[in-house]
Amino acid sequence: MIKASAANKDFYKGKRVFVTGHTGFKGAWLVQVLDHLGACVRGYALEPVCGCLFTKIGGERLVEHVTGDVRDKDALIAAVKSFAPEIILHLAAVVTVQDCHNDPYRAFSTNVMGTVNIQKRRGNVRA
């Protein structure tokens, strides 16, 4: 397991952390680290792909898993508000160049509007 400094352990211990994209490769690693540091984590992402890292590490035991799409503003905002996180880590994205090329609308709406939707929850962007 990853070793963490005492300062990091103290910072995340007991904190409510909301993570988008927790079923992806980097999100799964992040969930594992946050669990190790004692954070209370709610993840918001699409269903994990069969055989992905999230499934292999038993991620559903480490995080409160909420299935959703960051493009669905109302569902995302409801999931955030009902959890009342102290920290939001936004990792949800379409990341492969080929996927972006094949479906640029999905890539743009996920990567840009997903971020806008998280910002709307924080009140930084007017509806």
Protein backbone atom coordinates (compact mmCIF):
# COMPACT_ATOMS: atom_id res chain seq x y z
CA MET A 1 0.00 0.00 0.00
CA ILE A 2 1.00 3.59 -0.50
CA LYS A 3 2.74 5.26 2.45
CA ALA A 4 1.48 8.71 3.34
CA SER A 5 2.99 11.41 5.47
CA ALA A 6 1.43 12.10 8.86
CA ALA A 7 0.31 15.51 7.61
CA ASN A 8 -1.69 13.96 4.77
CA LYS A 9 -3.23 11.38 7.07
CA ASP A 10 -4.29 14.07 9.48
CA PHE A 11 -5.70 16.25 6.72
CA TYR A 12 -7.97 13.65 5.09
CA LYS A 13 -8.92 11.64 8.18
CA GLY A 14 -12.69 11.89 8.66
CA LYS A 15 -13.11 14.40 5.81
CA ARG A 16 -16.11 14.00 3.50
CA VAL A 17 -14.69 13.76 -0.02
CA PHE A 18 -16.84 13.66 -3.17
CA VAL A 19 -15.03 12.14 -6.18
CA THR A 20 -16.36 12.18 -9.74
CA GLY A 21 -14.98 9.52 -12.06
CA HIS A 22 -14.08 7.17 -9.20
CA THR A 23 -14.61 4.07 -11.37
CA GLY A 24 -11.92 5.12 -13.85
CA PHE A 25 -8.26 4.14 -13.56
CA LYS A 26 -7.02 7.21 -11.69
CA GLY A 27 -10.25 7.49 -9.73
CA ALA A 28 -9.90 3.92 -8.46
CA TRP A 29 -6.37 4.65 -7.24
CA LEU A 30 -7.57 7.86 -5.61
CA VAL A 31 -10.40 6.05 -3.79
CA GLN A 32 -7.93 3.50 -2.46
CA VAL A 33 -5.58 6.21 -1.19
CA LEU A 34 -8.41 8.24 0.36
CA ASP A 35 -9.69 5.13 2.12
CA HIS A 36 -6.21 4.45 3.46
CA LEU A 37 -6.05 8.04 4.73
CA GLY A 38 -9.36 7.64 6.58
CA ALA A 39 -11.58 9.82 4.40
CA CYS A 40 -15.31 9.23 4.03
CA VAL A 41 -15.79 9.04 0.26
CA ARG A 42 -18.79 9.23 -2.03
CA GLY A 43 -18.04 8.47 -5.66
CA TYR A 44 -20.15 9.59 -8.60
CA ALA A 45 -19.48 7.93 -11.94
CA LEU A 46 -20.74 5.73 -14.70
CA GLU A 47 -20.98 2.02 -13.95
CA PRO A 48 -17.52 0.45 -13.85
CA VAL A 49 -16.42 -1.48 -16.90
CA CYS A 50 -16.12 -5.23 -16.34
CA GLY A 51 -12.59 -6.11 -15.25
CA CYS A 52 -11.56 -2.51 -14.52
CA LEU A 53 -9.26 -1.55 -11.65
CA PHE A 54 -12.16 -0.29 -9.53
CA THR A 55 -13.74 -3.74 -9.67
CA LYS A 56 -10.43 -5.55 -9.13
CA ILE A 57 -9.62 -3.64 -5.95
CA GLY A 58 -13.14 -4.09 -4.58
CA GLY A 59 -13.76 -0.37 -4.81
CA GLU A 60 -17.41 -0.74 -3.89
CA ARG A 61 -16.24 -1.61 -0.36
CA LEU A 62 -14.12 1.56 -0.13
CA VAL A 63 -16.58 4.18 -1.32
CA GLU A 64 -20.26 4.99 -1.35
CA HIS A 65 -20.81 4.36 -5.07
CA VAL A 66 -23.41 6.51 -6.82
CA THR A 67 -24.05 5.75 -10.47
CA GLY A 68 -24.54 8.86 -12.53
CA ASP A 69 -23.33 11.00 -15.39
CA VAL A 70 -21.72 14.40 -14.73
CA ARG A 71 -23.68 15.76 -17.69
CA ASP A 72 -26.90 15.27 -15.70
CA LYS A 73 -26.70 18.52 -13.73
CA ASP A 74 -29.70 17.93 -11.47
CA ALA A 75 -28.66 14.41 -10.44
CA LEU A 76 -25.06 15.51 -9.87
CA ILE A 77 -26.06 18.50 -7.75
CA ALA A 78 -28.47 16.33 -5.72
CA ALA A 79 -25.72 13.75 -5.08
CA VAL A 80 -23.30 16.44 -3.94
CA LYS A 81 -25.79 18.31 -1.75
CA SER A 82 -27.06 15.18 -0.02
CA PHE A 83 -23.48 14.21 0.89
CA ALA A 84 -22.36 17.71 1.96
CA PRO A 85 -18.68 17.18 1.12
CA GLU A 86 -15.82 19.24 2.47
CA ILE A 87 -13.74 18.43 -0.62
CA ILE A 88 -14.70 17.75 -4.24
CA LEU A 89 -12.22 16.04 -6.57
CA HIS A 90 -13.42 16.08 -10.17
CA LEU A 91 -11.87 13.31 -12.27
CA ALA A 92 -14.78 12.37 -14.56
CA ALA A 93 -13.76 12.80 -18.19
CA VAL A 94 -13.56 11.26 -21.63
CA VAL A 95 -9.79 10.84 -21.80
CA THR A 96 -8.71 8.82 -24.79
CA VAL A 97 -8.02 10.72 -27.99
CA GLN A 98 -9.79 8.08 -30.08
CA ASP A 99 -12.97 8.31 -27.97
CA CYS A 100 -12.89 12.11 -28.28
CA HIS A 101 -12.39 11.85 -32.04
CA ASN A 102 -15.16 9.28 -32.45
CA ASP A 103 -17.71 11.21 -30.38
CA PRO A 104 -16.63 14.83 -29.92
CA TYR A 105 -20.07 15.87 -28.64
CA ARG A 106 -19.88 13.35 -25.77
CA ALA A 107 -16.27 14.35 -25.03
CA PHE A 108 -17.07 18.07 -24.93
CA SER A 109 -20.27 17.70 -22.96
CA THR A 110 -18.60 15.41 -20.41
CA ASN A 111 -15.30 17.24 -20.06
CA VAL A 112 -16.57 20.80 -20.21
CA MET A 113 -20.17 20.71 -19.07
CA GLY A 114 -19.40 18.15 -16.35
CA THR A 115 -16.97 20.68 -14.91
CA VAL A 116 -19.51 23.50 -15.28
CA ASN A 117 -22.08 21.35 -13.45
CA ILE A 118 -19.69 20.86 -10.52
CA GLN A 119 -19.10 24.61 -10.49
CA LYS A 120 -22.87 25.25 -10.45
CA ARG A 121 -23.06 23.26 -7.22
CA ARG A 122 -20.46 25.57 -5.71
CA GLY A 123 -22.43 28.61 -6.82
CA ASN A 124 -19.64 29.99 -9.02
CA VAL A 125 -21.70 29.86 -12.21
CA ARG A 126 -25.19 31.24 -12.57
CA ALA A 127 -27.88 28.80 -13.76
